[in-house]
């Protein structure tokens, strides 16, 4: 049941993103950013990672950078 809802969400979000350009706001309270986030989350649930084609969306939270200076973070003080 969850997979069916994810497929429906991905299809509806994809169709909304395809029609967002030519048609002026079919649903005004849903922004294109929200539709993109829904599309990405649904496809990630289904096992497809579309973030590799969207460099501005960021990478997965699985690979966190480590600090090389013993845990002390660089601090910038602006006076």
N, C-alpha and C. Protein backbone atom coordinates (compact mmCIF):
# COMPACT_ATOMS: atom_id res chain seq x y z
N UNK A 1 0.81 -1.19 0.00
CA UNK A 1 0.00 0.00 0.00
C UNK A 1 0.86 1.26 0.00
N UNK A 2 1.97 1.22 0.77
CA UNK A 2 2.87 2.37 0.81
C UNK A 2 3.53 2.61 -0.54
N UNK A 3 3.88 1.52 -1.22
CA UNK A 3 4.51 1.67 -2.53
C UNK A 3 3.53 2.27 -3.54
N UNK A 4 2.28 1.89 -3.45
CA UNK A 4 1.28 2.46 -4.36
C UNK A 4 1.11 3.95 -4.11
N UNK A 5 1.07 4.34 -2.84
CA UNK A 5 0.96 5.76 -2.52
C UNK A 5 2.20 6.54 -2.96
N UNK A 6 3.36 5.90 -2.85
CA UNK A 6 4.59 6.55 -3.31
C UNK A 6 4.58 6.71 -4.83
N UNK A 7 4.10 5.69 -5.54
CA UNK A 7 3.99 5.81 -7.00
C UNK A 7 3.01 6.90 -7.40
N UNK A 8 1.87 6.95 -6.72
CA UNK A 8 0.88 7.99 -7.02
C UNK A 8 1.45 9.38 -6.74
N UNK A 9 2.14 9.52 -5.60
CA UNK A 9 2.76 10.81 -5.27
C UNK A 9 3.81 11.21 -6.28
N UNK A 10 4.63 10.26 -6.71
CA UNK A 10 5.68 10.56 -7.69
C UNK A 10 5.08 10.94 -9.04
N UNK A 11 4.04 10.25 -9.46
CA UNK A 11 3.41 10.56 -10.74
C UNK A 11 2.74 11.93 -10.70
N UNK A 12 2.00 12.21 -9.62
CA UNK A 12 1.32 13.51 -9.52
C UNK A 12 2.31 14.66 -9.42
N UNK A 13 3.38 14.48 -8.64
CA UNK A 13 4.38 15.54 -8.53
C UNK A 13 5.12 15.74 -9.85
N UNK A 14 5.41 14.65 -10.55
CA UNK A 14 6.07 14.76 -11.85
C UNK A 14 5.19 15.45 -12.87
N UNK A 15 3.90 15.12 -12.89
CA UNK A 15 2.98 15.79 -13.82
C UNK A 15 2.84 17.27 -13.48
N UNK A 16 2.81 17.58 -12.19
CA UNK A 16 2.72 18.99 -11.79
C UNK A 16 3.96 19.76 -12.24
N UNK A 17 5.13 19.14 -12.10
CA UNK A 17 6.36 19.81 -12.53
C UNK A 17 6.42 19.96 -14.04
N UNK A 18 5.86 19.01 -14.78
CA UNK A 18 5.85 19.12 -16.24
C UNK A 18 4.90 20.22 -16.73
N UNK A 19 3.80 20.42 -16.02
CA UNK A 19 2.83 21.42 -16.43
C UNK A 19 3.04 22.77 -15.74
N UNK A 20 4.03 22.89 -14.88
CA UNK A 20 4.25 24.14 -14.15
C UNK A 20 4.73 25.26 -15.06
N UNK A 21 5.42 24.94 -16.15
CA UNK A 21 5.92 25.98 -17.04
C UNK A 21 4.87 26.57 -17.96
N UNK A 22 4.20 25.76 -18.78
CA UNK A 22 3.26 26.32 -19.75
C UNK A 22 1.96 26.85 -19.14
N UNK A 23 1.47 26.21 -18.10
CA UNK A 23 0.20 26.61 -17.50
C UNK A 23 0.49 27.48 -16.27
N UNK A 24 -0.14 28.63 -16.13
CA UNK A 24 0.13 29.50 -14.98
C UNK A 24 -0.52 28.99 -13.69
N UNK A 25 0.26 28.37 -12.84
CA UNK A 25 -0.13 27.88 -11.51
C UNK A 25 -1.48 27.17 -11.47
N UNK A 26 -1.51 25.87 -11.79
CA UNK A 26 -2.77 25.13 -11.68
C UNK A 26 -3.25 25.01 -10.23
N UNK A 27 -2.33 24.87 -9.31
CA UNK A 27 -2.67 24.83 -7.88
C UNK A 27 -1.77 25.85 -7.20
N UNK A 28 -2.29 27.05 -6.88
CA UNK A 28 -1.42 28.14 -6.44
C UNK A 28 -0.74 27.95 -5.09
N UNK A 29 -1.29 27.13 -4.19
CA UNK A 29 -0.67 26.98 -2.88
C UNK A 29 0.44 25.94 -2.86
N UNK A 30 0.64 25.21 -3.95
CA UNK A 30 1.75 24.27 -4.03
C UNK A 30 2.82 24.91 -4.92
N UNK A 31 3.97 25.11 -4.36
CA UNK A 31 5.09 25.69 -5.09
C UNK A 31 5.82 24.57 -5.83
N UNK A 32 6.62 24.96 -6.82
CA UNK A 32 7.39 23.96 -7.56
C UNK A 32 8.45 23.31 -6.68
N UNK A 33 8.94 24.03 -5.70
CA UNK A 33 9.92 23.44 -4.77
C UNK A 33 9.31 22.33 -3.93
N UNK A 34 8.08 22.52 -3.50
CA UNK A 34 7.38 21.49 -2.73
C UNK A 34 7.13 20.27 -3.61
N UNK A 35 6.72 20.50 -4.85
CA UNK A 35 6.49 19.38 -5.77
C UNK A 35 7.79 18.62 -6.04
N UNK A 36 8.91 19.34 -6.16
CA UNK A 36 10.20 18.69 -6.37
C UNK A 36 10.60 17.87 -5.14
N UNK A 37 10.37 18.41 -3.95
CA UNK A 37 10.69 17.66 -2.73
C UNK A 37 9.84 16.41 -2.61
N UNK A 38 8.56 16.51 -2.94
CA UNK A 38 7.68 15.33 -2.91
C UNK A 38 8.14 14.30 -3.92
N UNK A 39 8.48 14.75 -5.11
CA UNK A 39 8.96 13.83 -6.15
C UNK A 39 10.24 13.11 -5.70
N UNK A 40 11.18 13.85 -5.13
CA UNK A 40 12.43 13.24 -4.70
C UNK A 40 12.22 12.26 -3.55
N UNK A 41 11.39 12.62 -2.59
CA UNK A 41 11.15 11.72 -1.45
C UNK A 41 10.42 10.45 -1.89
N UNK A 42 9.45 10.59 -2.80
CA UNK A 42 8.74 9.41 -3.28
C UNK A 42 9.66 8.49 -4.08
N UNK A 43 10.49 9.08 -4.94
CA UNK A 43 11.40 8.23 -5.72
C UNK A 43 12.48 7.61 -4.85
N UNK A 44 12.92 8.32 -3.81
CA UNK A 44 13.90 7.72 -2.89
C UNK A 44 13.26 6.55 -2.14
N UNK A 45 11.99 6.67 -1.77
CA UNK A 45 11.29 5.56 -1.11
C UNK A 45 11.18 4.36 -2.03
N UNK A 46 11.00 4.63 -3.32
CA UNK A 46 10.88 3.55 -4.30
C UNK A 46 12.22 2.96 -4.71
N UNK A 47 13.32 3.59 -4.31
CA UNK A 47 14.64 3.05 -4.60
C UNK A 47 15.38 3.75 -5.72
N UNK A 48 14.85 4.84 -6.23
CA UNK A 48 15.50 5.60 -7.30
C UNK A 48 16.00 6.91 -6.71
N UNK A 49 17.29 7.18 -6.86
CA UNK A 49 17.86 8.41 -6.32
C UNK A 49 18.07 9.41 -7.45
N UNK A 50 17.21 10.40 -7.54
CA UNK A 50 17.29 11.40 -8.60
C UNK A 50 18.19 12.57 -8.24
N UNK A 51 18.74 12.57 -7.02
CA UNK A 51 19.56 13.70 -6.59
C UNK A 51 20.89 13.78 -7.33
N UNK A 52 21.33 12.72 -7.98
CA UNK A 52 22.59 12.78 -8.71
C UNK A 52 22.48 13.67 -9.95
N UNK A 53 21.25 13.91 -10.43
CA UNK A 53 21.05 14.82 -11.56
C UNK A 53 20.70 16.24 -11.10
N UNK A 54 20.53 16.44 -9.80
CA UNK A 54 20.21 17.75 -9.25
C UNK A 54 21.31 18.17 -8.29
N UNK A 55 22.35 18.84 -8.77
CA UNK A 55 23.49 19.16 -7.90
C UNK A 55 23.16 20.16 -6.80
N UNK A 56 22.10 20.95 -6.96
CA UNK A 56 21.76 21.95 -5.97
C UNK A 56 21.00 21.38 -4.80
N UNK A 57 20.54 20.12 -4.87
CA UNK A 57 19.72 19.56 -3.82
C UNK A 57 20.55 18.96 -2.69
N UNK A 58 21.83 18.68 -2.90
CA UNK A 58 22.67 18.13 -1.85
C UNK A 58 22.78 16.62 -1.93
N UNK A 59 23.66 16.10 -1.12
CA UNK A 59 23.89 14.66 -1.10
C UNK A 59 23.14 14.05 0.07
N UNK A 60 23.18 12.74 0.15
CA UNK A 60 22.47 12.05 1.22
C UNK A 60 23.15 12.30 2.56
N UNK A 61 22.40 12.09 3.62
CA UNK A 61 22.91 12.33 4.96
C UNK A 61 23.80 11.18 5.45
N UNK A 62 23.96 10.16 4.64
CA UNK A 62 24.76 9.01 5.06
C UNK A 62 26.25 9.33 5.13
N UNK A 63 26.73 10.17 4.25
CA UNK A 63 28.16 10.50 4.24
C UNK A 63 28.37 11.87 4.88
N UNK A 64 28.77 11.85 6.13
CA UNK A 64 29.02 13.09 6.85
C UNK A 64 30.52 13.37 6.86
N UNK A 65 30.94 14.60 6.61
CA UNK A 65 32.36 14.90 6.64
C UNK A 65 32.89 14.86 8.08
N UNK A 66 34.13 14.44 8.20
CA UNK A 66 34.74 14.38 9.53
C UNK A 66 35.68 15.56 9.70
N UNK A 67 35.90 15.92 10.95
CA UNK A 67 36.75 17.06 11.27
C UNK A 67 38.18 16.53 11.50
N UNK A 68 39.16 17.12 10.82
CA UNK A 68 40.54 16.64 10.88
C UNK A 68 41.36 17.28 11.99
N UNK A 69 40.87 18.31 12.65
CA UNK A 69 41.68 19.02 13.63
C UNK A 69 41.31 18.68 15.07
N UNK A 70 40.98 17.44 15.34
CA UNK A 70 40.75 17.00 16.70
C UNK A 70 39.41 17.42 17.28
N UNK A 71 38.44 17.71 16.48
CA UNK A 71 37.12 18.06 16.97
C UNK A 71 36.91 19.54 17.17
N UNK A 72 37.94 20.36 16.99
CA UNK A 72 37.80 21.81 17.14
C UNK A 72 37.34 22.37 15.81
N UNK A 73 36.22 23.08 15.84
CA UNK A 73 35.70 23.66 14.61
C UNK A 73 36.36 25.00 14.36
N UNK A 74 36.49 25.35 13.08
CA UNK A 74 37.02 26.66 12.73
C UNK A 74 36.00 27.72 13.11
N UNK A 75 36.47 28.73 13.82
CA UNK A 75 35.59 29.80 14.28
C UNK A 75 36.05 31.10 13.64
N UNK A 76 35.11 31.79 13.03
CA UNK A 76 35.40 33.10 12.44
C UNK A 76 34.68 34.14 13.26
N UNK A 77 35.43 35.10 13.79
CA UNK A 77 34.83 36.17 14.58
C UNK A 77 34.88 37.44 13.76
N UNK A 78 33.71 37.98 13.47
CA UNK A 78 33.61 39.20 12.68
C UNK A 78 33.43 40.38 13.64
N UNK A 79 34.37 41.30 13.59
CA UNK A 79 34.33 42.45 14.50
C UNK A 79 33.86 43.67 13.79
